[in-house]
Structures are given as C-alpha cells and as structure tokens.
C-alpha cells in the first residue's frame, strides 16, 4: 500500500507544481480511466471527475484526495 500511496501523492504534488488549473492527471486501472484530477492554484482545491458516474467532487486536502484515488484503484 505504501508504494501505491506514495506514487499517488507524488502525482498529485506534480499537479500542484504545474500551477495550471487546466492540467489534469488521469488515474487508470486496466486502461480504464477511473478518475481525472485537476488542481486549482487559486483556491488550492482538487477537482475529481468520475467518468463512469459523470460526477465531480472537490477536495481541499492532499491526503483526502490521495485516499480517494487509492480506494478507486485498489479497493
């Protein structure tokens, strides 16, 4: 679990470092996008889009979004 969580956090930190609200990262399992994540530098919030559910959630904490992505990928 630690390796997967570390990788997820590193990818989210790269989104923050890009400082571009249009940048996204797709988290996939078996070639299927389970979530698309973007980061808004002005509000410091993450937006998560769930393509299968056509839903969007907002997170303001890196740890919470990392846990959400981990659960999607490995639960």
PDB file of N, CA and C in Angstrom:
ATOM      1  N   UNK A   1       0.811  -1.190   0.000  1.00  0.00           N
ATOM      2  CA  UNK A   1       0.000   0.000   0.000  1.00  0.00           C
ATOM      3  C   UNK A   1       0.854   1.254   0.000  1.00  0.00           C
ATOM      4  N   UNK A   2       1.931   1.276   0.779  1.00  0.00           N
ATOM      5  CA  UNK A   2       2.748   2.479   0.905  1.00  0.00           C
ATOM      6  C   UNK A   2       3.300   2.931  -0.441  1.00  0.00           C
ATOM      7  N   UNK A   3       3.755   1.986  -1.262  1.00  0.00           N
ATOM      8  CA  UNK A   3       4.312   2.337  -2.557  1.00  0.00           C
ATOM      9  C   UNK A   3       3.253   2.960  -3.448  1.00  0.00           C
ATOM     10  N   UNK A   4       2.069   2.379  -3.480  1.00  0.00           N
ATOM     11  CA  UNK A   4       0.986   2.924  -4.295  1.00  0.00           C
ATOM     12  C   UNK A   4       0.571   4.309  -3.804  1.00  0.00           C
ATOM     13  N   UNK A   5       0.435   4.473  -2.500  1.00  0.00           N
ATOM     14  CA  UNK A   5       0.024   5.762  -1.945  1.00  0.00           C
ATOM     15  C   UNK A   5       1.093   6.819  -2.212  1.00  0.00           C
ATOM     16  N   UNK A   6       2.341   6.451  -2.076  1.00  0.00           N
ATOM     17  CA  UNK A   6       3.428   7.390  -2.351  1.00  0.00           C
ATOM     18  C   UNK A   6       3.391   7.843  -3.803  1.00  0.00           C
ATOM     19  N   UNK A   7       3.162   6.920  -4.719  1.00  0.00           N
ATOM     20  CA  UNK A   7       3.084   7.256  -6.141  1.00  0.00           C
ATOM     21  C   UNK A   7       1.922   8.200  -6.406  1.00  0.00           C
ATOM     22  N   UNK A   8       0.783   7.944  -5.818  1.00  0.00           N
ATOM     23  CA  UNK A   8      -0.385   8.805  -5.990  1.00  0.00           C
ATOM     24  C   UNK A   8      -0.083  10.215  -5.477  1.00  0.00           C
ATOM     25  N   UNK A   9       0.491  10.305  -4.296  1.00  0.00           N
ATOM     26  CA  UNK A   9       0.816  11.609  -3.709  1.00  0.00           C
ATOM     27  C   UNK A   9       1.818  12.351  -4.581  1.00  0.00           C
ATOM     28  N   UNK A  10       2.825  11.650  -5.101  1.00  0.00           N
ATOM     29  CA  UNK A  10       3.806  12.303  -5.978  1.00  0.00           C
ATOM     30  C   UNK A  10       3.141  12.872  -7.224  1.00  0.00           C
ATOM     31  N   UNK A  11       2.206  12.145  -7.800  1.00  0.00           N
ATOM     32  CA  UNK A  11       1.497  12.632  -8.988  1.00  0.00           C
ATOM     33  C   UNK A  11       0.636  13.846  -8.658  1.00  0.00           C
ATOM     34  N   UNK A  12      -0.004  13.842  -7.513  1.00  0.00           N
ATOM     35  CA  UNK A  12      -0.807  14.987  -7.102  1.00  0.00           C
ATOM     36  C   UNK A  12       0.079  16.206  -6.822  1.00  0.00           C
ATOM     37  N   UNK A  13       1.243  15.978  -6.234  1.00  0.00           N
ATOM     38  CA  UNK A  13       2.181  17.080  -5.978  1.00  0.00           C
ATOM     39  C   UNK A  13       2.693  17.673  -7.290  1.00  0.00           C
ATOM     40  N   UNK A  14       2.863  16.844  -8.320  1.00  0.00           N
ATOM     41  CA  UNK A  14       3.267  17.359  -9.625  1.00  0.00           C
ATOM     42  C   UNK A  14       2.178  18.256 -10.210  1.00  0.00           C
ATOM     43  N   UNK A  15       0.913  17.889 -10.009  1.00  0.00           N
ATOM     44  CA  UNK A  15      -0.186  18.745 -10.457  1.00  0.00           C
ATOM     45  C   UNK A  15      -0.121  20.103  -9.770  1.00  0.00           C
ATOM     46  N   UNK A  16       0.154  20.108  -8.481  1.00  0.00           N
ATOM     47  CA  UNK A  16       0.269  21.359  -7.736  1.00  0.00           C
ATOM     48  C   UNK A  16       1.421  22.186  -8.297  1.00  0.00           C
ATOM     49  N   UNK A  17       2.562  21.541  -8.526  1.00  0.00           N
ATOM     50  CA  UNK A  17       3.750  22.238  -9.019  1.00  0.00           C
ATOM     51  C   UNK A  17       3.550  22.830 -10.409  1.00  0.00           C
ATOM     52  N   UNK A  18       2.694  22.210 -11.220  1.00  0.00           N
ATOM     53  CA  UNK A  18       2.441  22.719 -12.565  1.00  0.00           C
ATOM     54  C   UNK A  18       1.757  24.083 -12.521  1.00  0.00           C
ATOM     55  N   UNK A  19       1.027  24.360 -11.456  1.00  0.00           N
ATOM     56  CA  UNK A  19       0.372  25.647 -11.263  1.00  0.00           C
ATOM     57  C   UNK A  19      -0.522  26.027 -12.444  1.00  0.00           C
ATOM     58  N   UNK A  20      -1.185  25.031 -13.019  1.00  0.00           N
ATOM     59  CA  UNK A  20      -2.036  25.228 -14.187  1.00  0.00           C
ATOM     60  C   UNK A  20      -3.398  24.592 -13.927  1.00  0.00           C
ATOM     61  N   UNK A  21      -4.461  25.398 -13.796  1.00  0.00           N
ATOM     62  CA  UNK A  21      -5.776  24.834 -13.499  1.00  0.00           C
ATOM     63  C   UNK A  21      -6.333  23.952 -14.615  1.00  0.00           C
ATOM     64  N   UNK A  22      -5.758  24.021 -15.812  1.00  0.00           N
ATOM     65  CA  UNK A  22      -6.226  23.193 -16.922  1.00  0.00           C
ATOM     66  C   UNK A  22      -5.520  21.839 -16.980  1.00  0.00           C
ATOM     67  N   UNK A  23      -4.441  21.692 -16.237  1.00  0.00           N
ATOM     68  CA  UNK A  23      -3.705  20.425 -16.225  1.00  0.00           C
ATOM     69  C   UNK A  23      -4.505  19.375 -15.463  1.00  0.00           C
ATOM     70  N   UNK A  24      -4.515  18.163 -15.979  1.00  0.00           N
ATOM     71  CA  UNK A  24      -5.208  17.060 -15.311  1.00  0.00           C
ATOM     72  C   UNK A  24      -4.315  15.829 -15.300  1.00  0.00           C
ATOM     73  N   UNK A  25      -4.624  14.931 -14.416  1.00  0.00           N
ATOM     74  CA  UNK A  25      -3.961  13.635 -14.382  1.00  0.00           C
ATOM     75  C   UNK A  25      -5.051  12.577 -14.315  1.00  0.00           C
ATOM     76  N   UNK A  26      -4.975  11.610 -15.212  1.00  0.00           N
ATOM     77  CA  UNK A  26      -5.928  10.509 -15.233  1.00  0.00           C
ATOM     78  C   UNK A  26      -5.374   9.325 -14.452  1.00  0.00           C
ATOM     79  N   UNK A  27      -6.159   8.829 -13.542  1.00  0.00           N
ATOM     80  CA  UNK A  27      -5.812   7.619 -12.808  1.00  0.00           C
ATOM     81  C   UNK A  27      -6.596   6.477 -13.439  1.00  0.00           C
ATOM     82  N   UNK A  28      -5.862   5.473 -13.900  1.00  0.00           N
ATOM     83  CA  UNK A  28      -6.460   4.367 -14.655  1.00  0.00           C
ATOM     84  C   UNK A  28      -6.194   3.029 -13.993  1.00  0.00           C
ATOM     85  N   UNK A  29      -7.099   2.095 -14.272  1.00  0.00           N
ATOM     86  CA  UNK A  29      -6.884   0.695 -13.901  1.00  0.00           C
ATOM     87  C   UNK A  29      -7.273  -0.136 -15.120  1.00  0.00           C
ATOM     88  N   UNK A  30      -6.357  -0.966 -15.560  1.00  0.00           N
ATOM     89  CA  UNK A  30      -6.571  -1.821 -16.730  1.00  0.00           C
ATOM     90  C   UNK A  30      -6.975  -1.008 -17.958  1.00  0.00           C
ATOM     91  N   UNK A  31      -6.367   0.173 -18.109  1.00  0.00           N
ATOM     92  CA  UNK A  31      -6.620   1.006 -19.272  1.00  0.00           C
ATOM     93  C   UNK A  31      -7.906   1.803 -19.232  1.00  0.00           C
ATOM     94  N   UNK A  32      -8.637   1.728 -18.127  1.00  0.00           N
ATOM     95  CA  UNK A  32      -9.902   2.453 -17.983  1.00  0.00           C
ATOM     96  C   UNK A  32      -9.684   3.607 -17.000  1.00  0.00           C
ATOM     97  N   UNK A  33     -10.030   4.822 -17.429  1.00  0.00           N
ATOM     98  CA  UNK A  33      -9.899   5.989 -16.559  1.00  0.00           C
ATOM     99  C   UNK A  33     -10.975   5.918 -15.477  1.00  0.00           C
ATOM    100  N   UNK A  34     -10.524   5.882 -14.227  1.00  0.00           N
ATOM    101  CA  UNK A  34     -11.456   5.845 -13.104  1.00  0.00           C
ATOM    102  C   UNK A  34     -11.680   7.232 -12.511  1.00  0.00           C
ATOM    103  N   UNK A  35     -10.671   8.108 -12.668  1.00  0.00           N
ATOM    104  CA  UNK A  35     -10.791   9.470 -12.156  1.00  0.00           C
ATOM    105  C   UNK A  35      -9.824  10.375 -12.892  1.00  0.00           C
ATOM    106  N   UNK A  36     -10.273  11.593 -13.150  1.00  0.00           N
ATOM    107  CA  UNK A  36      -9.420  12.644 -13.703  1.00  0.00           C
ATOM    108  C   UNK A  36      -9.326  13.722 -12.634  1.00  0.00           C
ATOM    109  N   UNK A  37      -8.100  14.069 -12.271  1.00  0.00           N
ATOM    110  CA  UNK A  37      -7.882  15.015 -11.184  1.00  0.00           C
ATOM    111  C   UNK A  37      -7.225  16.277 -11.727  1.00  0.00           C
ATOM    112  N   UNK A  38      -7.710  17.413 -11.278  1.00  0.00           N
ATOM    113  CA  UNK A  38      -7.080  18.693 -11.593  1.00  0.00           C
ATOM    114  C   UNK A  38      -6.927  19.477 -10.296  1.00  0.00           C
ATOM    115  N   UNK A  39      -6.066  20.491 -10.349  1.00  0.00           N
ATOM    116  CA  UNK A  39      -5.809  21.307  -9.157  1.00  0.00           C
ATOM    117  C   UNK A  39      -5.929  22.771  -9.529  1.00  0.00           C
ATOM    118  N   UNK A  40      -6.681  23.519  -8.748  1.00  0.00           N
ATOM    119  CA  UNK A  40      -6.838  24.955  -8.962  1.00  0.00           C
ATOM    120  C   UNK A  40      -5.893  25.690  -8.012  1.00  0.00           C
ATOM    121  N   UNK A  41      -4.855  26.337  -8.559  1.00  0.00           N
ATOM    122  CA  UNK A  41      -3.886  27.010  -7.688  1.00  0.00           C
ATOM    123  C   UNK A  41      -4.468  28.200  -6.913  1.00  0.00           C
ATOM    124  N   UNK A  42      -5.513  28.819  -7.432  1.00  0.00           N
ATOM    125  CA  UNK A  42      -6.105  29.968  -6.736  1.00  0.00           C
ATOM    126  C   UNK A  42      -6.829  29.554  -5.461  1.00  0.00           C
ATOM    127  N   UNK A  43      -7.566  28.458  -5.520  1.00  0.00           N
ATOM    128  CA  UNK A  43      -8.326  28.001  -4.352  1.00  0.00           C
ATOM    129  C   UNK A  43      -7.609  26.888  -3.601  1.00  0.00           C
ATOM    130  N   UNK A  44      -6.558  26.335  -4.201  1.00  0.00           N
ATOM    131  CA  UNK A  44      -5.802  25.206  -3.650  1.00  0.00           C
ATOM    132  C   UNK A  44      -6.710  23.995  -3.427  1.00  0.00           C
ATOM    133  N   UNK A  45      -7.661  23.789  -4.356  1.00  0.00           N
ATOM    134  CA  UNK A  45      -8.566  22.647  -4.281  1.00  0.00           C
ATOM    135  C   UNK A  45      -8.359  21.716  -5.468  1.00  0.00           C
ATOM    136  N   UNK A  46      -8.617  20.454  -5.211  1.00  0.00           N
ATOM    137  CA  UNK A  46      -8.573  19.441  -6.254  1.00  0.00           C
ATOM    138  C   UNK A  46      -9.991  19.155  -6.722  1.00  0.00           C
ATOM    139  N   UNK A  47     -10.156  18.985  -8.021  1.00  0.00           N
ATOM    140  CA  UNK A  47     -11.427  18.539  -8.596  1.00  0.00           C
ATOM    141  C   UNK A  47     -11.220  17.138  -9.127  1.00  0.00           C
ATOM    142  N   UNK A  48     -12.127  16.255  -8.773  1.00  0.00           N
ATOM    143  CA  UNK A  48     -12.051  14.878  -9.238  1.00  0.00           C
ATOM    144  C   UNK A  48     -13.281  14.593 -10.079  1.00  0.00           C
ATOM    145  N   UNK A  49     -13.051  14.177 -11.304  1.00  0.00           N
ATOM    146  CA  UNK A  49     -14.137  13.809 -12.202  1.00  0.00           C
ATOM    147  C   UNK A  49     -14.147  12.288 -12.320  1.00  0.00           C
ATOM    148  N   UNK A  50     -15.328  11.732 -12.166  1.00  0.00           N
ATOM    149  CA  UNK A  50     -15.521  10.295 -12.277  1.00  0.00           C
ATOM    150  C   UNK A  50     -16.242  10.032 -13.592  1.00  0.00           C
ATOM    151  N   UNK A  51     -15.532   9.634 -14.647  1.00  0.00           N
ATOM    152  CA  UNK A  51     -16.155   9.491 -15.965  1.00  0.00           C
ATOM    153  C   UNK A  51     -17.356   8.549 -15.998  1.00  0.00           C
ATOM    154  N   UNK A  52     -17.310   7.446 -15.291  1.00  0.00           N
ATOM    155  CA  UNK A  52     -18.417   6.492 -15.314  1.00  0.00           C
ATOM    156  C   UNK A  52     -19.666   7.062 -14.643  1.00  0.00           C
ATOM    157  N   UNK A  53     -19.486   7.881 -13.637  1.00  0.00           N
ATOM    158  CA  UNK A  53     -20.610   8.416 -12.881  1.00  0.00           C
ATOM    159  C   UNK A  53     -20.987   9.828 -13.328  1.00  0.00           C
ATOM    160  N   UNK A  54     -20.142  10.440 -14.138  1.00  0.00           N
ATOM    161  CA  UNK A  54     -20.339  11.825 -14.586  1.00  0.00           C
ATOM    162  C   UNK A  54     -20.532  12.752 -13.395  1.00  0.00           C
ATOM    163  N   UNK A  55     -19.773  12.506 -12.351  1.00  0.00           N
ATOM    164  CA  UNK A  55     -19.850  13.314 -11.137  1.00  0.00           C
ATOM    165  C   UNK A  55     -18.518  14.018 -10.910  1.00  0.00           C
ATOM    166  N   UNK A  56     -18.561  15.124 -10.158  1.00  0.00           N
ATOM    167  CA  UNK A  56     -17.358  15.865  -9.797  1.00  0.00           C
ATOM    168  C   UNK A  56     -17.383  16.091  -8.294  1.00  0.00           C
ATOM    169  N   UNK A  57     -16.222  15.880  -7.667  1.00  0.00           N
ATOM    170  CA  UNK A  57     -16.093  16.159  -6.237  1.00  0.00           C
ATOM    171  C   UNK A  57     -14.921  17.105  -6.043  1.00  0.00           C
ATOM    172  N   UNK A  58     -15.004  17.931  -5.019  1.00  0.00           N
ATOM    173  CA  UNK A  58     -13.949  18.872  -4.675  1.00  0.00           C
ATOM    174  C   UNK A  58     -13.299  18.439  -3.359  1.00  0.00           C
ATOM    175  N   UNK A  59     -11.972  18.533  -3.331  1.00  0.00           N
ATOM    176  CA  UNK A  59     -11.215  18.204  -2.127  1.00  0.00           C
ATOM    177  C   UNK A  59     -10.238  19.342  -1.853  1.00  0.00           C
ATOM    178  N   UNK A  60     -10.067  19.690  -0.587  1.00  0.00           N
ATOM    179  CA  UNK A  60      -9.119  20.744  -0.247  1.00  0.00           C
ATOM    180  C   UNK A  60      -7.922  20.211   0.539  1.00  0.00           C
ATOM    181  N   UNK A  61      -7.765  18.900   0.541  1.00  0.00           N
ATOM    182  CA  UNK A  61      -6.684  18.283   1.303  1.00  0.00           C
ATOM    183  C   UNK A  61      -6.017  17.194   0.466  1.00  0.00           C
ATOM    184  N   UNK A  62      -4.711  17.274   0.334  1.00  0.00           N
ATOM    185  CA  UNK A  62      -3.949  16.318  -0.476  1.00  0.00           C
ATOM    186  C   UNK A  62      -4.133  14.885   0.016  1.00  0.00           C
ATOM    187  N   UNK A  63      -4.127  14.691   1.312  1.00  0.00           N
ATOM    188  CA  UNK A  63      -4.264  13.345   1.869  1.00  0.00           C
ATOM    189  C   UNK A  63      -5.634  12.746   1.542  1.00  0.00           C
ATOM    190  N   UNK A  64      -6.669  13.553   1.647  1.00  0.00           N
ATOM    191  CA  UNK A  64      -8.015  13.046   1.355  1.00  0.00           C
ATOM    192  C   UNK A  64      -8.161  12.645  -0.107  1.00  0.00           C
ATOM    193  N   UNK A  65      -7.643  13.448  -1.008  1.00  0.00           N
ATOM    194  CA  UNK A  65      -7.746  13.101  -2.428  1.00  0.00           C
ATOM    195  C   UNK A  65      -6.899  11.872  -2.728  1.00  0.00           C
ATOM    196  N   UNK A  66      -5.746  11.750  -2.100  1.00  0.00           N
ATOM    197  CA  UNK A  66      -4.902  10.569  -2.300  1.00  0.00           C
ATOM    198  C   UNK A  66      -5.631   9.307  -1.825  1.00  0.00           C
ATOM    199  N   UNK A  67      -6.311   9.383  -0.694  1.00  0.00           N
ATOM    200  CA  UNK A  67      -7.069   8.236  -0.188  1.00  0.00           C
ATOM    201  C   UNK A  67      -8.224   7.881  -1.119  1.00  0.00           C
ATOM    202  N   UNK A  68      -8.893   8.894  -1.646  1.00  0.00           N
ATOM    203  CA  UNK A  68     -10.000   8.665  -2.578  1.00  0.00           C
ATOM    204  C   UNK A  68      -9.504   7.933  -3.831  1.00  0.00           C
ATOM    205  N   UNK A  69      -8.402   8.404  -4.390  1.00  0.00           N
ATOM    206  CA  UNK A  69      -7.847   7.787  -5.591  1.00  0.00           C
ATOM    207  C   UNK A  69      -7.388   6.373  -5.282  1.00  0.00           C
ATOM    208  N   UNK A  70      -6.731   6.186  -4.144  1.00  0.00           N
ATOM    209  CA  UNK A  70      -6.269   4.845  -3.764  1.00  0.00           C
ATOM    210  C   UNK A  70      -7.446   3.878  -3.680  1.00  0.00           C
ATOM    211  N   UNK A  71      -8.522   4.306  -3.020  1.00  0.00           N
ATOM    212  CA  UNK A  71      -9.709   3.452  -2.889  1.00  0.00           C
ATOM    213  C   UNK A  71     -10.296   3.110  -4.262  1.00  0.00           C
ATOM    214  N   UNK A  72     -10.315   4.075  -5.163  1.00  0.00           N
ATOM    215  CA  UNK A  72     -10.829   3.807  -6.519  1.00  0.00           C
ATOM    216  C   UNK A  72      -9.988   2.762  -7.244  1.00  0.00           C
ATOM    217  N   UNK A  73      -8.675   2.876  -7.089  1.00  0.00           N
ATOM    218  CA  UNK A  73      -7.773   1.997  -7.832  1.00  0.00           C
ATOM    219  C   UNK A  73      -7.609   0.614  -7.231  1.00  0.00           C
ATOM    220  N   UNK A  74      -7.651   0.521  -5.914  1.00  0.00           N
ATOM    221  CA  UNK A  74      -7.254  -0.739  -5.270  1.00  0.00           C
ATOM    222  C   UNK A  74      -8.298  -1.346  -4.350  1.00  0.00           C
ATOM    223  N   UNK A  75      -9.466  -0.766  -4.244  1.00  0.00           N
ATOM    224  CA  UNK A  75     -10.491  -1.340  -3.343  1.00  0.00           C
ATOM    225  C   UNK A  75     -11.311  -2.380  -4.075  1.00  0.00           C
TER     226      UNK A  75
END
